[in-house]
Amino acid sequence: MWRFIALGIGFVSFSAAQDLYPKHYLNFGPGIGLPRGEINAYFKTKPALTANYGYRFQRYFQADAGYDVVFGAADVRDFLTTQLGSLRIRDYQHFVTFGGRGVVPLAKGRVLFSAGGGGVFMRYQESVQQPSNFIRFACPQCTARTGWGNYALASLRFSTRWQRVWFGVTTKVIRGRTEGDPFGGLPTSRTKDNWVNTFAEVGFAF
């Protein structure tokens, strides 16, 4: 009888230990955005940043939401003439991602390999560099285009013993279509846009 009770207690303790992992993950980091496909002739490889949140609702599965931005891939070199002089116009490529991933914990949960994917909203936008927070100018000549697509990712992350601080690398392959204003040489018609964005991340879990 006591043997069965001990086995039951051991099983419950083991199950509880399996569930002792952080549920929330916040990650940030720099990277590069590599344009591919039809846009490769018009865009260049440029620096990028990522910020994302993951909710690990089960030991082997996680829901994701994130925001990535690439700086100046269209290499726009234009200016807006104002009463204060010429203001530089810059271009940005924005990606809002939402999806999920499967997680493979290794080394007692201190190493996480994950892969997954989901949907992505894309917006390429020109913005004028404003002179201050109090003086702002509209930019009627700034162009933009938007579209939807999907992405796939692979990630490898490492943590300390307590799994609170994480370091890793994540690569996202994005495929979608955008349309709108002519942007950085892109036509007004819909284009097939591919990106390979890679980031070095630091994160916090709780």
N, C-alpha and C. Protein backbone atom coordinates (compact mmCIF):
# COMPACT_ATOMS: atom_id res chain seq x y z
N MET A 1 0.83 -1.22 0.00
CA MET A 1 0.00 0.00 0.00
C MET A 1 0.86 1.26 0.00
N TRP A 2 1.85 1.31 0.91
CA TRP A 2 2.71 2.47 0.99
C TRP A 2 3.56 2.61 -0.28
N ARG A 3 3.88 1.48 -0.88
CA ARG A 3 4.65 1.53 -2.11
C ARG A 3 3.86 2.23 -3.22
N PHE A 4 2.57 1.91 -3.33
CA PHE A 4 1.72 2.55 -4.34
C PHE A 4 1.54 4.04 -4.06
N ILE A 5 1.40 4.38 -2.77
CA ILE A 5 1.28 5.80 -2.41
C ILE A 5 2.55 6.55 -2.79
N ALA A 6 3.70 5.93 -2.50
CA ALA A 6 4.97 6.57 -2.84
C ALA A 6 5.11 6.75 -4.34
N LEU A 7 4.69 5.73 -5.12
CA LEU A 7 4.75 5.84 -6.57
C LEU A 7 3.83 6.95 -7.07
N GLY A 8 2.64 7.07 -6.45
CA GLY A 8 1.71 8.12 -6.84
C GLY A 8 2.26 9.50 -6.56
N ILE A 9 2.86 9.66 -5.38
CA ILE A 9 3.47 10.95 -5.03
C ILE A 9 4.62 11.27 -5.99
N GLY A 10 5.41 10.29 -6.33
CA GLY A 10 6.51 10.49 -7.25
C GLY A 10 6.03 10.90 -8.63
N PHE A 11 4.95 10.25 -9.09
CA PHE A 11 4.40 10.59 -10.40
C PHE A 11 3.87 12.01 -10.42
N VAL A 12 3.14 12.41 -9.37
CA VAL A 12 2.62 13.77 -9.29
C VAL A 12 3.76 14.78 -9.24
N SER A 13 4.80 14.47 -8.46
CA SER A 13 5.94 15.39 -8.36
C SER A 13 6.64 15.53 -9.69
N PHE A 14 6.78 14.39 -10.40
CA PHE A 14 7.44 14.43 -11.72
C PHE A 14 6.62 15.25 -12.70
N SER A 15 5.29 15.06 -12.68
CA SER A 15 4.42 15.81 -13.58
C SER A 15 4.48 17.30 -13.28
N ALA A 16 4.48 17.63 -11.98
CA ALA A 16 4.57 19.04 -11.61
C ALA A 16 5.89 19.64 -12.06
N ALA A 17 6.97 18.85 -11.92
CA ALA A 17 8.29 19.35 -12.34
C ALA A 17 8.32 19.60 -13.85
N GLN A 18 7.60 18.75 -14.60
CA GLN A 18 7.55 18.94 -16.04
C GLN A 18 6.86 20.26 -16.40
N ASP A 19 5.97 20.74 -15.55
CA ASP A 19 5.24 21.96 -15.82
C ASP A 19 5.93 23.21 -15.27
N LEU A 20 7.08 23.03 -14.62
CA LEU A 20 7.78 24.17 -14.05
C LEU A 20 8.66 24.82 -15.12
N TYR A 21 8.05 25.66 -15.94
CA TYR A 21 8.76 26.41 -16.96
C TYR A 21 8.04 27.74 -17.14
N PRO A 22 8.74 28.78 -17.57
CA PRO A 22 8.08 30.09 -17.76
C PRO A 22 7.01 30.00 -18.84
N LYS A 23 5.96 30.77 -18.66
CA LYS A 23 4.86 30.79 -19.62
C LYS A 23 4.96 31.99 -20.57
N HIS A 24 5.58 33.09 -20.13
CA HIS A 24 5.62 34.32 -20.92
C HIS A 24 7.05 34.65 -21.33
N TYR A 25 7.23 35.01 -22.61
CA TYR A 25 8.55 35.29 -23.14
C TYR A 25 8.53 36.61 -23.91
N LEU A 26 9.39 37.55 -23.50
CA LEU A 26 9.56 38.82 -24.19
C LEU A 26 10.97 38.85 -24.79
N ASN A 27 11.06 39.12 -26.11
CA ASN A 27 12.34 39.07 -26.79
C ASN A 27 12.55 40.30 -27.65
N PHE A 28 13.79 40.77 -27.70
CA PHE A 28 14.17 41.93 -28.49
C PHE A 28 15.52 41.65 -29.13
N GLY A 29 15.81 42.35 -30.23
CA GLY A 29 17.14 42.20 -30.76
C GLY A 29 17.34 42.77 -32.15
N PRO A 30 18.60 43.01 -32.52
CA PRO A 30 18.93 43.52 -33.86
C PRO A 30 19.09 42.38 -34.84
N GLY A 31 19.08 42.74 -36.11
CA GLY A 31 19.28 41.72 -37.14
C GLY A 31 19.45 42.36 -38.50
N ILE A 32 19.20 41.57 -39.53
CA ILE A 32 19.27 42.06 -40.91
C ILE A 32 18.05 41.56 -41.67
N GLY A 33 17.60 42.38 -42.63
CA GLY A 33 16.51 41.99 -43.51
C GLY A 33 17.03 41.78 -44.91
N LEU A 34 16.83 40.57 -45.45
CA LEU A 34 17.31 40.23 -46.79
C LEU A 34 16.13 40.10 -47.74
N PRO A 35 15.95 41.03 -48.68
CA PRO A 35 14.86 40.92 -49.66
C PRO A 35 15.15 39.83 -50.68
N ARG A 36 14.10 39.14 -51.09
CA ARG A 36 14.23 38.07 -52.08
C ARG A 36 13.06 38.16 -53.07
N GLY A 37 13.07 37.33 -54.06
CA GLY A 37 11.98 37.29 -55.03
C GLY A 37 11.97 38.52 -55.93
N GLU A 38 10.76 38.97 -56.28
CA GLU A 38 10.62 40.07 -57.22
C GLU A 38 11.21 41.38 -56.70
N ILE A 39 11.26 41.54 -55.37
CA ILE A 39 11.74 42.82 -54.82
C ILE A 39 13.26 42.87 -54.70
N ASN A 40 13.94 41.76 -55.00
CA ASN A 40 15.38 41.71 -54.82
C ASN A 40 16.10 42.71 -55.72
N ALA A 41 15.51 43.03 -56.86
CA ALA A 41 16.15 43.97 -57.78
C ALA A 41 15.98 45.41 -57.33
N TYR A 42 15.06 45.66 -56.39
CA TYR A 42 14.76 47.03 -55.98
C TYR A 42 15.19 47.34 -54.55
N PHE A 43 15.23 46.33 -53.69
CA PHE A 43 15.56 46.52 -52.29
C PHE A 43 16.94 45.96 -51.99
N LYS A 44 17.52 46.45 -50.89
CA LYS A 44 18.85 46.02 -50.46
C LYS A 44 18.79 45.40 -49.07
N THR A 45 19.81 44.63 -48.73
CA THR A 45 19.93 44.09 -47.38
C THR A 45 20.26 45.22 -46.41
N LYS A 46 19.45 45.33 -45.33
CA LYS A 46 19.59 46.45 -44.42
C LYS A 46 19.42 45.98 -42.97
N PRO A 47 19.81 46.83 -41.99
CA PRO A 47 19.63 46.48 -40.57
C PRO A 47 18.14 46.39 -40.21
N ALA A 48 17.86 45.62 -39.17
CA ALA A 48 16.48 45.40 -38.74
C ALA A 48 16.44 45.25 -37.22
N LEU A 49 15.24 45.36 -36.67
CA LEU A 49 14.99 45.14 -35.25
C LEU A 49 13.75 44.28 -35.09
N THR A 50 13.69 43.52 -34.01
CA THR A 50 12.52 42.72 -33.71
C THR A 50 12.11 42.90 -32.25
N ALA A 51 10.82 42.78 -32.00
CA ALA A 51 10.26 42.73 -30.64
C ALA A 51 9.09 41.75 -30.71
N ASN A 52 9.07 40.76 -29.84
CA ASN A 52 8.01 39.77 -29.92
C ASN A 52 7.67 39.22 -28.55
N TYR A 53 6.46 38.70 -28.48
CA TYR A 53 5.93 38.10 -27.25
C TYR A 53 5.46 36.68 -27.55
N GLY A 54 5.77 35.76 -26.65
CA GLY A 54 5.31 34.40 -26.79
C GLY A 54 4.64 33.91 -25.52
N TYR A 55 3.51 33.26 -25.69
CA TYR A 55 2.81 32.64 -24.56
C TYR A 55 2.89 31.12 -24.71
N ARG A 56 3.66 30.50 -23.84
CA ARG A 56 3.89 29.06 -23.91
C ARG A 56 2.79 28.37 -23.10
N PHE A 57 1.67 28.13 -23.75
CA PHE A 57 0.50 27.59 -23.06
C PHE A 57 0.62 26.11 -22.77
N GLN A 58 1.59 25.44 -23.40
CA GLN A 58 1.85 24.03 -23.15
C GLN A 58 3.35 23.81 -23.33
N ARG A 59 3.87 22.82 -22.68
CA ARG A 59 5.32 22.63 -22.66
C ARG A 59 5.92 22.62 -24.08
N TYR A 60 5.18 22.08 -25.04
CA TYR A 60 5.72 21.91 -26.38
C TYR A 60 5.09 22.84 -27.42
N PHE A 61 4.26 23.79 -26.97
CA PHE A 61 3.61 24.69 -27.93
C PHE A 61 3.58 26.11 -27.38
N GLN A 62 3.70 27.08 -28.30
CA GLN A 62 3.73 28.48 -27.91
C GLN A 62 3.00 29.32 -28.95
N ALA A 63 2.17 30.28 -28.49
CA ALA A 63 1.53 31.26 -29.37
C ALA A 63 2.41 32.50 -29.45
N ASP A 64 2.49 33.09 -30.64
CA ASP A 64 3.42 34.20 -30.88
C ASP A 64 2.72 35.42 -31.46
N ALA A 65 3.25 36.60 -31.11
CA ALA A 65 2.89 37.86 -31.76
C ALA A 65 4.13 38.72 -31.76
N GLY A 66 4.39 39.41 -32.87
CA GLY A 66 5.62 40.18 -32.92
C GLY A 66 5.59 41.31 -33.93
N TYR A 67 6.62 42.14 -33.85
CA TYR A 67 6.78 43.26 -34.77
C TYR A 67 8.24 43.33 -35.19
N ASP A 68 8.48 43.35 -36.51
CA ASP A 68 9.81 43.50 -37.06
C ASP A 68 9.84 44.72 -37.97
N VAL A 69 10.95 45.41 -38.01
CA VAL A 69 11.10 46.55 -38.90
C VAL A 69 12.48 46.51 -39.54
N VAL A 70 12.52 46.76 -40.85
CA VAL A 70 13.77 46.86 -41.61
C VAL A 70 13.95 48.33 -41.97
N PHE A 71 15.17 48.83 -41.83
CA PHE A 71 15.44 50.25 -42.01
C PHE A 71 16.08 50.52 -43.38
N GLY A 72 15.31 51.18 -44.26
CA GLY A 72 15.89 51.71 -45.49
C GLY A 72 16.21 50.71 -46.57
N ALA A 73 15.47 49.61 -46.66
CA ALA A 73 15.77 48.60 -47.68
C ALA A 73 15.55 49.14 -49.09
N ALA A 74 14.60 50.08 -49.26
CA ALA A 74 14.35 50.65 -50.58
C ALA A 74 15.37 51.73 -50.95
N ASP A 75 16.20 52.11 -49.99
CA ASP A 75 17.27 53.09 -50.21
C ASP A 75 16.72 54.40 -50.79
N VAL A 76 15.61 54.88 -50.21
CA VAL A 76 15.00 56.13 -50.65
C VAL A 76 15.90 57.31 -50.26
N ARG A 77 16.19 58.16 -51.22
CA ARG A 77 17.01 59.35 -50.97
C ARG A 77 16.27 60.57 -51.51
N ASP A 78 15.34 61.05 -50.70
CA ASP A 78 14.50 62.17 -51.12
C ASP A 78 14.36 63.14 -49.95
N PHE A 79 13.84 64.34 -50.26
CA PHE A 79 13.72 65.38 -49.24
C PHE A 79 12.38 66.09 -49.40
N LEU A 80 11.86 66.56 -48.28
CA LEU A 80 10.65 67.39 -48.26
C LEU A 80 11.07 68.83 -47.98
N THR A 81 10.68 69.74 -48.86
CA THR A 81 11.03 71.15 -48.69
C THR A 81 10.01 71.82 -47.78
N THR A 82 10.49 72.45 -46.69
CA THR A 82 9.63 73.12 -45.73
C THR A 82 10.18 74.49 -45.39
N GLN A 83 9.44 75.23 -44.54
CA GLN A 83 9.91 76.55 -44.11
C GLN A 83 11.19 76.45 -43.29
N LEU A 84 11.46 75.28 -42.73
CA LEU A 84 12.67 75.10 -41.93
C LEU A 84 13.80 74.47 -42.74
N GLY A 85 13.57 74.34 -44.03
CA GLY A 85 14.59 73.73 -44.86
C GLY A 85 14.17 72.37 -45.37
N SER A 86 15.10 71.62 -45.88
CA SER A 86 14.83 70.31 -46.45
C SER A 86 14.92 69.23 -45.37
N LEU A 87 13.87 68.44 -45.27
CA LEU A 87 13.82 67.34 -44.30
C LEU A 87 13.98 66.02 -45.03
N ARG A 88 14.78 65.16 -44.47
CA ARG A 88 15.09 63.87 -45.10
C ARG A 88 13.89 62.93 -45.04
N ILE A 89 13.62 62.27 -46.14
CA ILE A 89 12.59 61.23 -46.19
C ILE A 89 13.28 59.86 -46.17
N ARG A 90 12.84 59.02 -45.25
CA ARG A 90 13.41 57.68 -45.12
C ARG A 90 12.33 56.63 -45.32
N ASP A 91 12.76 55.42 -45.63
CA ASP A 91 11.80 54.35 -45.85
C ASP A 91 12.00 53.24 -44.82
N TYR A 92 10.88 52.60 -44.49
CA TYR A 92 10.87 51.52 -43.49
C TYR A 92 9.98 50.39 -44.01
N GLN A 93 10.33 49.17 -43.63
CA GLN A 93 9.52 48.01 -43.97
C GLN A 93 9.04 47.37 -42.66
N HIS A 94 7.73 47.37 -42.45
CA HIS A 94 7.14 46.91 -41.20
C HIS A 94 6.48 45.54 -41.40
N PHE A 95 6.66 44.66 -40.40
CA PHE A 95 6.05 43.33 -40.44
C PHE A 95 5.41 43.04 -39.08
N VAL A 96 4.12 42.81 -39.08
CA VAL A 96 3.40 42.41 -37.87
C VAL A 96 3.05 40.94 -38.01
N THR A 97 3.60 40.11 -37.13
CA THR A 97 3.45 38.66 -37.26
C THR A 97 2.56 38.11 -36.14
N PHE A 98 1.84 37.04 -36.45
CA PHE A 98 1.01 36.37 -35.46
C PHE A 98 0.90 34.89 -35.87
N GLY A 99 1.18 34.01 -34.92
CA GLY A 99 1.16 32.58 -35.23
C GLY A 99 1.52 31.74 -34.03
N GLY A 100 2.24 30.68 -34.27
CA GLY A 100 2.63 29.78 -33.19
C GLY A 100 3.82 28.93 -33.58
N ARG A 101 4.29 28.16 -32.62
CA ARG A 101 5.46 27.31 -32.86
C ARG A 101 5.42 26.09 -31.98
N GLY A 102 6.12 25.06 -32.44
CA GLY A 102 6.37 23.91 -31.60
C GLY A 102 7.72 24.07 -30.93
N VAL A 103 7.82 23.65 -29.68
CA VAL A 103 9.03 23.86 -28.88
C VAL A 103 9.60 22.51 -28.45
N VAL A 104 10.90 22.34 -28.63
CA VAL A 104 11.61 21.15 -28.17
C VAL A 104 12.57 21.58 -27.07
N PRO A 105 12.26 21.30 -25.81
CA PRO A 105 13.17 21.67 -24.71
C PRO A 105 14.31 20.65 -24.57
N LEU A 106 15.51 21.16 -24.40
CA LEU A 106 16.70 20.33 -24.22
C LEU A 106 17.47 20.81 -23.00
N ALA A 107 18.39 19.97 -22.53
CA ALA A 107 19.24 20.34 -21.39
C ALA A 107 18.41 20.83 -20.21
N LYS A 108 17.41 20.02 -19.83
CA LYS A 108 16.53 20.33 -18.71
C LYS A 108 15.80 21.67 -18.88
N GLY A 109 15.47 21.97 -20.13
CA GLY A 109 14.71 23.18 -20.42
C GLY A 109 15.53 24.43 -20.61
N ARG A 110 16.86 24.34 -20.49
CA ARG A 110 17.69 25.54 -20.63
C ARG A 110 18.06 25.83 -22.09
N VAL A 111 17.76 24.90 -22.97
CA VAL A 111 17.96 25.10 -24.41
C VAL A 111 16.63 24.81 -25.09
N LEU A 112 16.17 25.74 -25.92
CA LEU A 112 14.89 25.59 -26.61
C LEU A 112 15.12 25.69 -28.12
N PHE A 113 14.76 24.62 -28.82
CA PHE A 113 14.71 24.68 -30.28
C PHE A 113 13.24 24.76 -30.66
N SER A 114 12.90 25.67 -31.56
CA SER A 114 11.50 25.83 -31.94
C SER A 114 11.39 26.13 -33.42
N ALA A 115 10.24 25.77 -33.98
CA ALA A 115 9.93 26.04 -35.38
C ALA A 115 8.42 26.23 -35.49
N GLY A 116 8.02 27.11 -36.39
CA GLY A 116 6.59 27.37 -36.54
C GLY A 116 6.33 28.36 -37.64
N GLY A 117 5.19 29.05 -37.55
CA GLY A 117 4.83 30.02 -38.58
C GLY A 117 3.47 30.62 -38.30
N GLY A 118 2.97 31.36 -39.29
CA GLY A 118 1.69 32.02 -39.14
C GLY A 118 1.48 33.05 -40.22
N GLY A 119 0.68 34.07 -39.92
CA GLY A 119 0.37 35.13 -40.86
C GLY A 119 1.17 36.39 -40.59
N VAL A 120 1.25 37.27 -41.58
CA VAL A 120 2.01 38.51 -41.43
C VAL A 120 1.33 39.63 -42.22
N PHE A 121 1.25 40.81 -41.59
CA PHE A 121 0.82 42.03 -42.28
C PHE A 121 2.05 42.84 -42.61
N MET A 122 2.18 43.27 -43.86
CA MET A 122 3.37 43.99 -44.31
C MET A 122 2.99 45.41 -44.73
N ARG A 123 3.82 46.36 -44.34
CA ARG A 123 3.62 47.74 -44.78
C ARG A 123 4.98 48.37 -45.07
N TYR A 124 5.17 48.83 -46.29
CA TYR A 124 6.36 49.59 -46.67
C TYR A 124 5.95 51.05 -46.68
N GLN A 125 6.73 51.89 -46.02
CA GLN A 125 6.28 53.26 -45.80
C GLN A 125 7.45 54.23 -45.83
N GLU A 126 7.23 55.37 -46.49
CA GLU A 126 8.17 56.49 -46.42
C GLU A 126 7.71 57.45 -45.34
N SER A 127 8.64 57.96 -44.56
CA SER A 127 8.32 58.90 -43.48
C SER A 127 9.35 60.02 -43.48
N VAL A 128 8.89 61.24 -43.20
CA VAL A 128 9.80 62.37 -43.13
C VAL A 128 10.39 62.46 -41.74
N GLN A 129 11.66 62.82 -41.67
CA GLN A 129 12.33 62.99 -40.38
C GLN A 129 11.92 64.34 -39.80
N GLN A 130 11.04 64.31 -38.79
CA GLN A 130 10.47 65.53 -38.23
C GLN A 130 11.53 66.30 -37.44
N PRO A 131 11.44 67.65 -37.46
CA PRO A 131 12.45 68.45 -36.76
C PRO A 131 12.36 68.35 -35.24
N SER A 132 11.16 68.11 -34.68
CA SER A 132 11.01 67.97 -33.24
C SER A 132 9.66 67.35 -32.95
N ASN A 133 9.41 67.08 -31.67
CA ASN A 133 8.12 66.54 -31.27
C ASN A 133 7.02 67.61 -31.27
N PHE A 134 7.41 68.87 -31.34
CA PHE A 134 6.45 69.97 -31.26
C PHE A 134 6.17 70.60 -32.62
N ILE A 135 7.10 70.45 -33.54
CA ILE A 135 6.92 70.97 -34.90
C ILE A 135 6.93 69.78 -35.86
N ARG A 136 5.81 69.57 -36.54
CA ARG A 136 5.69 68.41 -37.41
C ARG A 136 5.09 68.82 -38.75
N PHE A 137 5.55 68.17 -39.79
CA PHE A 137 5.11 68.48 -41.15
C PHE A 137 4.49 67.23 -41.78
N ALA A 138 3.40 67.47 -42.52
CA ALA A 138 2.82 66.39 -43.31
C ALA A 138 3.71 66.12 -44.52
N CYS A 139 3.63 64.91 -45.03
CA CYS A 139 4.47 64.54 -46.16
C CYS A 139 3.59 63.99 -47.29
N PRO A 140 3.00 64.87 -48.10
CA PRO A 140 2.11 64.41 -49.17
C PRO A 140 2.80 63.57 -50.23
N GLN A 141 4.10 63.72 -50.38
CA GLN A 141 4.81 62.97 -51.40
C GLN A 141 5.29 61.61 -50.91
N CYS A 142 5.15 61.32 -49.61
CA CYS A 142 5.57 60.02 -49.07
C CYS A 142 4.62 58.93 -49.56
N THR A 143 5.16 57.82 -49.95
CA THR A 143 4.37 56.72 -50.50
C THR A 143 4.33 55.55 -49.52
N ALA A 144 3.39 54.63 -49.79
CA ALA A 144 3.26 53.44 -48.94
C ALA A 144 2.56 52.34 -49.73
N ARG A 145 2.80 51.12 -49.33
CA ARG A 145 2.10 49.97 -49.90
C ARG A 145 1.96 48.91 -48.82
N THR A 146 0.92 48.12 -48.90
CA THR A 146 0.63 47.13 -47.86
C THR A 146 0.27 45.79 -48.48
N GLY A 147 0.22 44.78 -47.64
CA GLY A 147 -0.17 43.46 -48.11
C GLY A 147 -0.13 42.44 -46.99
N TRP A 148 -0.55 41.24 -47.32
CA TRP A 148 -0.60 40.13 -46.36
C TRP A 148 0.21 38.96 -46.89
N GLY A 149 0.64 38.12 -45.97
CA GLY A 149 1.39 36.95 -46.35
C GLY A 149 1.49 35.97 -45.21
N ASN A 150 2.49 35.12 -45.27
CA ASN A 150 2.72 34.15 -44.21
C ASN A 150 4.22 34.03 -43.96
N TYR A 151 4.56 33.43 -42.84
CA TYR A 151 5.97 33.28 -42.50
C TYR A 151 6.21 31.93 -41.85
N ALA A 152 7.46 31.51 -41.93
CA ALA A 152 7.95 30.33 -41.21
C ALA A 152 9.19 30.75 -40.45
N LEU A 153 9.40 30.16 -39.27
CA LEU A 153 10.58 30.53 -38.48
C LEU A 153 11.25 29.31 -37.88
N ALA A 154 12.51 29.49 -37.57
CA ALA A 154 13.28 28.52 -36.79
C ALA A 154 14.10 29.30 -35.78
N SER A 155 14.18 28.79 -34.55
CA SER A 155 14.83 29.54 -33.48
C SER A 155 15.58 28.60 -32.56
N LEU A 156 16.71 29.09 -32.06
CA LEU A 156 17.48 28.36 -31.05
C LEU A 156 17.83 29.34 -29.95
N ARG A 157 17.45 28.99 -28.70
CA ARG A 157 17.67 29.89 -27.57
C ARG A 157 18.32 29.15 -26.42
N PHE A 158 19.13 29.90 -25.66
CA PHE A 158 19.86 29.37 -24.51
C PHE A 158 19.54 30.21 -23.29
N SER A 159 19.51 29.57 -22.12
CA SER A 159 19.16 30.28 -20.90
C SER A 159 20.10 29.92 -19.77
N THR A 160 20.00 30.72 -18.71
CA THR A 160 20.66 30.39 -17.47
C THR A 160 19.90 29.28 -16.76
N ARG A 161 20.39 28.88 -15.62
CA ARG A 161 19.78 27.75 -14.89
C ARG A 161 18.32 28.01 -14.56
N TRP A 162 17.96 29.25 -14.22
CA TRP A 162 16.61 29.55 -13.77
C TRP A 162 15.67 29.93 -14.91
N GLN A 163 16.15 29.91 -16.14
CA GLN A 163 15.32 30.11 -17.33
C GLN A 163 14.60 31.46 -17.33
N ARG A 164 15.25 32.49 -16.82
CA ARG A 164 14.65 33.82 -16.78
C ARG A 164 15.21 34.75 -17.85
N VAL A 165 16.48 34.60 -18.17
CA VAL A 165 17.13 35.41 -19.20
C VAL A 165 17.56 34.49 -20.34
N TRP A 166 17.22 34.89 -21.58
CA TRP A 166 17.47 34.03 -22.73
C TRP A 166 18.27 34.76 -23.80
N PHE A 167 19.09 33.99 -24.52
CA PHE A 167 19.84 34.51 -25.67
C PHE A 167 19.65 33.53 -26.82
N GLY A 168 19.54 34.06 -28.03
CA GLY A 168 19.33 33.14 -29.14
C GLY A 168 19.35 33.81 -30.50
N VAL A 169 19.05 33.00 -31.50
CA VAL A 169 19.00 33.44 -32.89
C VAL A 169 17.70 32.93 -33.50
N THR A 170 17.02 33.81 -34.25
CA THR A 170 15.77 33.44 -34.92
C THR A 170 15.83 33.90 -36.37
N THR A 171 15.42 33.02 -37.26
CA THR A 171 15.31 33.35 -38.69
C THR A 171 13.87 33.20 -39.13
N LYS A 172 13.36 34.22 -39.83
CA LYS A 172 12.00 34.19 -40.37
C LYS A 172 12.06 34.27 -41.89
N VAL A 173 11.34 33.40 -42.54
CA VAL A 173 11.18 33.44 -43.99
C VAL A 173 9.77 33.93 -44.27
N ILE A 174 9.65 35.07 -44.92
CA ILE A 174 8.36 35.73 -45.15
C ILE A 174 8.03 35.71 -46.64
N ARG A 175 6.80 35.33 -46.92
CA ARG A 175 6.30 35.38 -48.30
C ARG A 175 4.94 36.05 -48.31
N GLY A 176 4.77 37.00 -49.22
CA GLY A 176 3.49 37.69 -49.29
C GLY A 176 3.38 38.50 -50.56
N ARG A 177 2.33 39.30 -50.63
CA ARG A 177 2.09 40.17 -51.77
C ARG A 177 1.74 41.56 -51.26
N THR A 178 2.32 42.57 -51.88
CA THR A 178 1.99 43.95 -51.53
C THR A 178 1.56 44.70 -52.78
N GLU A 179 0.79 45.76 -52.56
CA GLU A 179 0.38 46.64 -53.65
C GLU A 179 0.10 48.02 -53.07
N GLY A 180 0.07 49.02 -53.95
CA GLY A 180 -0.16 50.39 -53.51
C GLY A 180 0.65 51.35 -54.34
N ASP A 181 1.22 52.37 -53.68
CA ASP A 181 2.02 53.36 -54.40
C ASP A 181 3.29 52.73 -54.94
N PRO A 182 3.83 53.30 -56.03
CA PRO A 182 5.17 52.87 -56.45
C PRO A 182 6.16 53.19 -55.33
N PHE A 183 6.96 52.23 -54.96
CA PHE A 183 7.78 52.37 -53.76
C PHE A 183 9.17 51.81 -54.03
N GLY A 184 10.16 52.69 -53.99
CA GLY A 184 11.54 52.23 -54.18
C GLY A 184 11.75 51.49 -55.48
N GLY A 185 11.03 51.87 -56.52
CA GLY A 185 11.15 51.20 -57.81
C GLY A 185 10.09 50.15 -58.06
N LEU A 186 9.35 49.73 -57.02
CA LEU A 186 8.28 48.77 -57.21
C LEU A 186 7.13 49.41 -57.95
N PRO A 187 6.45 48.69 -58.83
CA PRO A 187 5.32 49.25 -59.57
C PRO A 187 4.08 49.32 -58.68
N THR A 188 3.02 49.95 -59.21
CA THR A 188 1.76 50.03 -58.47
C THR A 188 1.04 48.68 -58.44
N SER A 189 1.37 47.80 -59.36
CA SER A 189 0.72 46.48 -59.40
C SER A 189 1.20 45.62 -58.24
N ARG A 190 0.47 44.55 -57.98
CA ARG A 190 0.81 43.65 -56.89
C ARG A 190 2.09 42.90 -57.20
N THR A 191 2.95 42.77 -56.19
CA THR A 191 4.22 42.06 -56.36
C THR A 191 4.33 40.92 -55.36
N LYS A 192 5.10 39.91 -55.72
CA LYS A 192 5.40 38.81 -54.81
C LYS A 192 6.66 39.17 -54.03
N ASP A 193 6.52 39.32 -52.71
CA ASP A 193 7.62 39.79 -51.87
C ASP A 193 8.11 38.68 -50.96
N ASN A 194 9.39 38.43 -50.99
CA ASN A 194 10.01 37.43 -50.12
C ASN A 194 11.10 38.10 -49.29
N TRP A 195 11.17 37.69 -48.02
CA TRP A 195 12.20 38.20 -47.11
C TRP A 195 12.78 37.05 -46.30
N VAL A 196 14.06 37.15 -45.98
CA VAL A 196 14.70 36.27 -45.01
C VAL A 196 15.32 37.18 -43.96
N ASN A 197 14.69 37.26 -42.80
CA ASN A 197 15.12 38.16 -41.72
C ASN A 197 15.68 37.35 -40.56
N THR A 198 16.88 37.70 -40.15
CA THR A 198 17.56 36.97 -39.07
C THR A 198 17.90 37.93 -37.94
N PHE A 199 17.64 37.48 -36.70
CA PHE A 199 17.83 38.35 -35.54
C PHE A 199 18.62 37.64 -34.44
N ALA A 200 19.49 38.38 -33.77
CA ALA A 200 20.10 37.94 -32.51
C ALA A 200 19.27 38.53 -31.38
N GLU A 201 18.75 37.67 -30.51
CA GLU A 201 17.77 38.10 -29.53
C GLU A 201 18.26 37.95 -28.09
N VAL A 202 17.79 38.84 -27.26
CA VAL A 202 17.90 38.68 -25.81
C VAL A 202 16.48 38.76 -25.27
N GLY A 203 16.14 37.92 -24.30
CA GLY A 203 14.77 37.88 -23.84
C GLY A 203 14.67 37.64 -22.34
N PHE A 204 13.45 37.87 -21.85
CA PHE A 204 13.14 37.67 -20.44
C PHE A 204 11.89 36.83 -20.34
N ALA A 205 11.87 35.92 -19.40
CA ALA A 205 10.75 35.00 -19.24
C ALA A 205 10.25 35.04 -17.80
N PHE A 206 8.94 34.82 -17.66
CA PHE A 206 8.37 34.79 -16.32
C PHE A 206 7.11 33.94 -16.33
